[in-house]
Protein backbone atom coordinates (compact mmCIF):
# COMPACT_ATOMS: atom_id res chain seq x y z
CA MET A 1 0.19 -0.20 0.17
CA LEU A 2 2.78 2.74 0.94
CA ALA A 3 4.79 1.57 -2.42
CA ILE A 4 1.29 2.32 -4.32
CA GLY A 5 0.56 5.40 -2.31
CA ALA A 6 4.17 6.79 -2.94
CA LEU A 7 4.03 5.69 -6.62
CA ALA A 8 0.61 7.85 -7.06
CA GLY A 9 2.04 10.83 -5.14
CA VAL A 10 5.21 10.99 -7.31
CA GLY A 11 3.05 10.40 -10.56
CA ALA A 12 0.53 13.12 -9.70
CA GLY A 13 3.23 15.66 -8.69
CA ARG A 14 2.50 15.33 -4.75
CA GLY A 15 5.65 13.66 -3.75
CA PRO A 16 6.44 10.47 -1.74
CA THR A 17 5.02 11.64 1.56
CA PHE A 18 1.47 11.30 -0.35
CA ALA A 19 1.73 7.62 0.80
CA LEU A 20 1.06 9.06 4.63
CA TRP A 21 -2.38 10.09 3.51
CA ALA A 22 -3.11 6.65 2.22
CA LEU A 23 -1.56 5.15 5.09
CA LEU A 24 -4.09 6.97 7.23
CA VAL A 25 -6.99 5.62 5.31
CA TYR A 26 -5.39 1.99 5.59
CA ALA A 27 -5.03 2.51 9.17
CA ILE A 28 -8.85 3.36 9.68
CA ALA A 29 -9.48 0.71 7.60
CA GLY A 30 -7.32 -2.09 8.95
CA ALA A 31 -8.56 -1.22 12.60
CA THR A 32 -11.97 -1.81 11.49
CA ILE A 33 -11.27 -5.01 9.91
CA LEU A 34 -9.58 -6.41 12.86
CA ARG A 35 -12.20 -5.28 15.15
CA THR A 36 -15.03 -7.08 13.03
CA MET A 37 -13.15 -10.31 11.56
CA PRO A 38 -14.17 -13.53 13.18
CA GLU A 39 -11.34 -15.40 15.44
CA ARG A 40 -11.37 -18.44 12.87
CA PHE A 41 -12.10 -18.76 9.11
CA PRO A 42 -12.83 -21.87 6.78
CA GLY A 43 -9.34 -21.72 5.20
CA ARG A 44 -6.00 -20.80 6.18
CA GLY A 45 -5.37 -17.24 7.51
CA MET A 46 -8.04 -15.04 5.89
CA GLY A 47 -8.27 -17.03 3.15
CA GLY A 48 -7.75 -16.27 -0.66
CA ALA A 49 -11.19 -14.49 -1.07
CA ASN A 50 -10.80 -12.10 1.44
CA ARG A 51 -6.96 -11.51 0.58
CA VAL A 52 -8.32 -10.48 -2.85
CA THR A 53 -10.89 -7.98 -1.16
CA LEU A 54 -7.70 -6.57 0.64
CA ALA A 55 -5.85 -6.20 -2.19
CA ARG A 56 -8.85 -4.16 -3.70
CA LEU A 57 -8.51 -1.94 -0.34
CA VAL A 58 -5.04 -1.45 -0.84
CA LEU A 59 -5.60 -0.21 -4.42
CA SER A 60 -8.49 1.69 -2.75
CA THR A 61 -6.80 3.88 -0.42
CA PRO A 62 -4.81 5.96 -2.34
CA ILE A 63 -7.69 6.94 -4.41
CA ALA A 64 -9.35 7.95 -0.72
CA ALA A 65 -6.17 9.91 -0.21
CA PHE A 66 -6.46 12.05 -3.38
CA LEU A 67 -10.12 12.99 -1.94
CA LEU A 68 -8.55 14.05 1.47
CA HIS A 69 -5.33 15.77 0.11
CA PRO A 70 -6.21 19.70 -0.39
CA ALA A 71 -4.14 19.96 -3.82
CA PRO A 72 -6.07 20.46 -6.93
CA LEU A 73 -7.06 17.30 -9.09
CA GLY A 74 -4.86 17.91 -12.08
CA ALA A 75 -4.76 15.52 -15.22
CA GLY A 76 -1.93 13.35 -13.63
CA ALA A 77 -3.95 12.62 -10.37
CA ARG A 78 -7.18 11.93 -12.32
CA TRP A 79 -5.17 9.36 -14.57
CA TRP A 80 -3.88 7.57 -11.41
CA ILE A 81 -7.36 7.46 -10.03
CA VAL A 82 -8.77 6.01 -12.94
CA GLY A 83 -6.25 3.48 -13.33
CA LEU A 84 -6.35 2.41 -9.26
CA GLY A 85 -10.25 2.47 -9.85
CA THR A 86 -10.31 0.53 -12.95
CA ALA A 87 -7.86 -2.26 -11.04
CA ALA A 88 -9.89 -2.14 -8.28
CA LEU A 89 -13.12 -2.61 -10.24
CA MET A 90 -11.55 -5.36 -12.20
CA LEU A 91 -11.00 -7.71 -9.09
CA ASP A 92 -14.54 -7.00 -7.83
CA GLY A 93 -16.30 -10.34 -8.32
CA VAL A 94 -13.01 -12.32 -8.01
CA ASP A 95 -13.37 -12.36 -4.24
CA GLY A 96 -16.83 -13.94 -4.39
CA TRP A 97 -16.10 -16.47 -7.12
CA TRP A 98 -13.10 -17.26 -4.86
CA ALA A 99 -15.04 -17.91 -2.14
CA ARG A 100 -17.48 -19.89 -3.92
CA ARG A 101 -15.22 -21.94 -5.57
CA THR A 102 -13.29 -22.87 -2.29
CA GLY A 103 -16.23 -23.13 -0.12
CA THR A 104 -14.64 -20.53 2.22
CA GLY A 105 -17.67 -17.88 2.11
CA THR A 106 -18.43 -16.50 5.18
CA ASP A 107 -20.69 -13.47 6.14
CA PHE A 108 -17.25 -11.19 7.27
CA GLY A 109 -16.42 -11.83 3.62
CA ALA A 110 -19.51 -10.89 2.24
CA ARG A 111 -19.77 -7.65 4.35
CA PHE A 112 -15.91 -7.08 3.92
CA ASP A 113 -16.77 -7.27 0.25
CA MET A 114 -19.80 -5.14 0.17
CA GLU A 115 -18.21 -2.32 2.60
CA THR A 116 -15.17 -1.89 0.02
CA ASP A 117 -17.50 -1.50 -2.80
CA ALA A 118 -19.69 0.92 -0.84
CA ALA A 119 -16.28 2.98 0.20
CA LEU A 120 -14.94 3.32 -3.00
CA LEU A 121 -18.09 4.40 -4.74
CA LEU A 122 -18.55 7.30 -1.97
CA VAL A 123 -14.71 8.22 -2.55
CA LEU A 124 -15.21 8.25 -6.24
CA SER A 125 -18.12 10.35 -5.96
CA GLY A 126 -16.36 12.94 -4.04
CA LEU A 127 -13.67 13.18 -6.61
CA ALA A 128 -16.20 13.22 -9.17
CA TRP A 129 -17.52 16.36 -7.57
CA ARG A 130 -14.23 17.91 -6.49
CA SER A 131 -12.97 17.49 -10.36
CA GLY A 132 -15.74 19.74 -11.52
CA ALA A 133 -16.86 16.97 -14.23
CA VAL A 134 -20.53 16.85 -12.48
CA GLY A 135 -22.21 18.72 -9.80
CA PRO A 136 -22.90 17.90 -6.13
CA TRP A 137 -25.85 15.54 -7.03
CA VAL A 138 -22.99 13.21 -7.78
CA TRP A 139 -22.64 12.51 -4.17
CA GLY A 140 -25.91 10.52 -4.24
CA ILE A 141 -24.35 7.73 -5.75
CA GLY A 142 -21.81 7.20 -2.76
CA ALA A 143 -24.29 8.36 -0.34
CA LEU A 144 -27.45 6.24 -1.45
CA ARG A 145 -26.53 3.20 0.46
CA TYR A 146 -25.28 4.81 3.44
CA ALA A 147 -28.74 6.57 4.00
CA PHE A 148 -30.54 3.05 3.39
CA VAL A 149 -28.46 1.96 6.31
CA ALA A 150 -29.38 4.59 8.10
CA ALA A 151 -33.10 4.23 7.27
CA GLY A 152 -32.90 0.58 8.57
CA ALA A 153 -32.66 2.38 12.08
CA ALA A 154 -36.23 3.39 11.91
CA LEU A 155 -37.69 0.79 9.58
CA PRO A 156 -36.51 -2.65 11.03
CA ALA A 157 -38.14 -4.29 7.98
CA LEU A 158 -35.05 -2.62 5.86
CA ARG A 159 -32.40 -4.79 8.09
CA GLY A 160 -33.69 -7.78 6.58
CA LYS A 161 -31.69 -10.12 4.53
CA LEU A 162 -31.82 -9.67 0.64
CA GLY A 163 -31.17 -12.64 -1.63
CA PRO A 164 -28.21 -12.77 -4.37
CA SER A 165 -29.27 -10.41 -7.12
CA LEU A 166 -27.45 -10.34 -10.60
CA ARG A 167 -29.47 -6.83 -11.02
CA ARG A 168 -27.89 -5.57 -7.79
CA LYS A 169 -24.28 -6.60 -8.97
CA VAL A 170 -24.53 -5.04 -12.65
CA VAL A 171 -25.99 -1.78 -11.23
CA CYS A 172 -23.20 -1.55 -8.76
CA VAL A 173 -20.52 -2.11 -11.47
CA ILE A 174 -22.32 0.54 -13.52
CA GLN A 175 -21.71 3.08 -10.87
CA GLY A 176 -18.33 2.70 -10.62
CA ILE A 177 -17.79 2.83 -14.47
CA ALA A 178 -19.85 5.92 -14.77
CA LEU A 179 -17.87 7.53 -12.25
CA LEU A 180 -14.43 6.51 -13.51
CA VAL A 181 -15.65 8.15 -17.13
CA ALA A 182 -16.26 11.22 -15.33
CA LEU A 183 -12.96 11.46 -13.93
CA GLY A 184 -11.28 10.87 -16.76
CA PRO A 185 -9.23 13.89 -17.99
CA ILE A 186 -10.31 13.53 -21.73
CA ILE A 187 -13.95 13.30 -20.79
CA PRO A 188 -16.10 16.22 -21.24
CA SER A 189 -18.44 17.55 -19.02
CA ARG A 190 -21.20 17.32 -21.54
CA VAL A 191 -20.53 13.40 -21.80
CA ALA A 192 -19.87 12.91 -18.09
CA VAL A 193 -23.00 14.55 -16.76
CA PRO A 194 -25.60 12.55 -18.80
CA VAL A 195 -23.49 9.12 -17.77
CA VAL A 196 -23.30 9.59 -14.47
CA ALA A 197 -26.96 10.84 -14.41
CA VAL A 198 -28.07 7.33 -16.15
CA ALA A 199 -25.96 5.59 -13.50
CA LEU A 200 -27.51 7.18 -10.60
CA ALA A 201 -31.21 6.87 -11.99
CA SER A 202 -30.72 3.01 -12.10
CA LEU A 203 -28.98 2.97 -8.71
CA CYS A 204 -32.39 4.78 -7.29
CA VAL A 205 -34.48 2.26 -9.09
CA SER A 206 -32.54 -0.77 -7.76
CA PHE A 207 -32.92 0.69 -4.22
CA VAL A 208 -36.47 0.97 -4.73
CA ILE A 209 -36.74 -2.38 -5.91
CA ASP A 210 -35.08 -3.60 -2.80
CA THR A 211 -36.71 -1.61 -0.36
CA VAL A 212 -40.44 -2.65 -1.80
CA ALA A 213 -39.44 -6.40 -1.49
CA LEU A 214 -38.12 -5.79 2.13
CA LEU A 215 -41.57 -4.15 2.90
CA ARG A 216 -43.67 -6.79 1.38
CA ALA A 217 -41.54 -9.83 3.14
CA PRO A 218 -43.54 -12.02 5.44
CA SER A 219 -41.41 -11.12 8.33
CA ALA A 220 -42.04 -7.63 7.69
CA GLN A 221 -45.87 -7.83 7.76
CA ALA A 222 -45.31 -9.92 10.93
CA SER A 223 -43.12 -7.26 12.73
CA ASP A 224 -45.60 -4.21 11.65
CA SER A 225 -48.76 -6.57 13.16
CA SER A 226 -46.99 -7.20 16.49
CA ILE A 227 -45.97 -3.28 16.90
CA ALA A 228 -49.71 -2.25 15.95
CA ALA A 229 -50.71 -4.78 18.79
């Protein structure tokens, strides 16, 4: 992570000390992982799938450092963001496939994967806004998932478990691609805005579908009945 952060810092004209910003992000993420990970895994160590997710996290930390660093986002920085973000997105799905193939899937691994995806989209949303390519509404892509979690505190039905969904996975990939397109230094704003707007619209539709499904689930109706009683 330090090596990638230093290379990104030098390549973007921020110097090797830029890696310290990435180290700060990684330290926070690492502390969270250590606090929540189980004592044992079905494979050796964390397992191959979780190591792939960890690699995605390592690629994502310098991207987060670009958001925290006060320097303007020049073309060099944006190329590094696009490159690192593309690598992280290409690895998305490998961890899940690996876990299924080796029979080492865990609830922790699924949550680790999901939180890494969500954090990366939030960071890319902020960078797309900082770059000036799109307006502040782009934060909706990164913030919508966290707003959904917050809504679950008021509506227990929204904390229900959703089954696997190809639609959900495809929509998530679309968000990452759209944000990386917007961050491309050679992409004009007139192209970036509609691309990101369509992506955000698809994300909103996906969340509406999941919300309706959770609210209509038998467990949610039973919960509502017990509250009424």
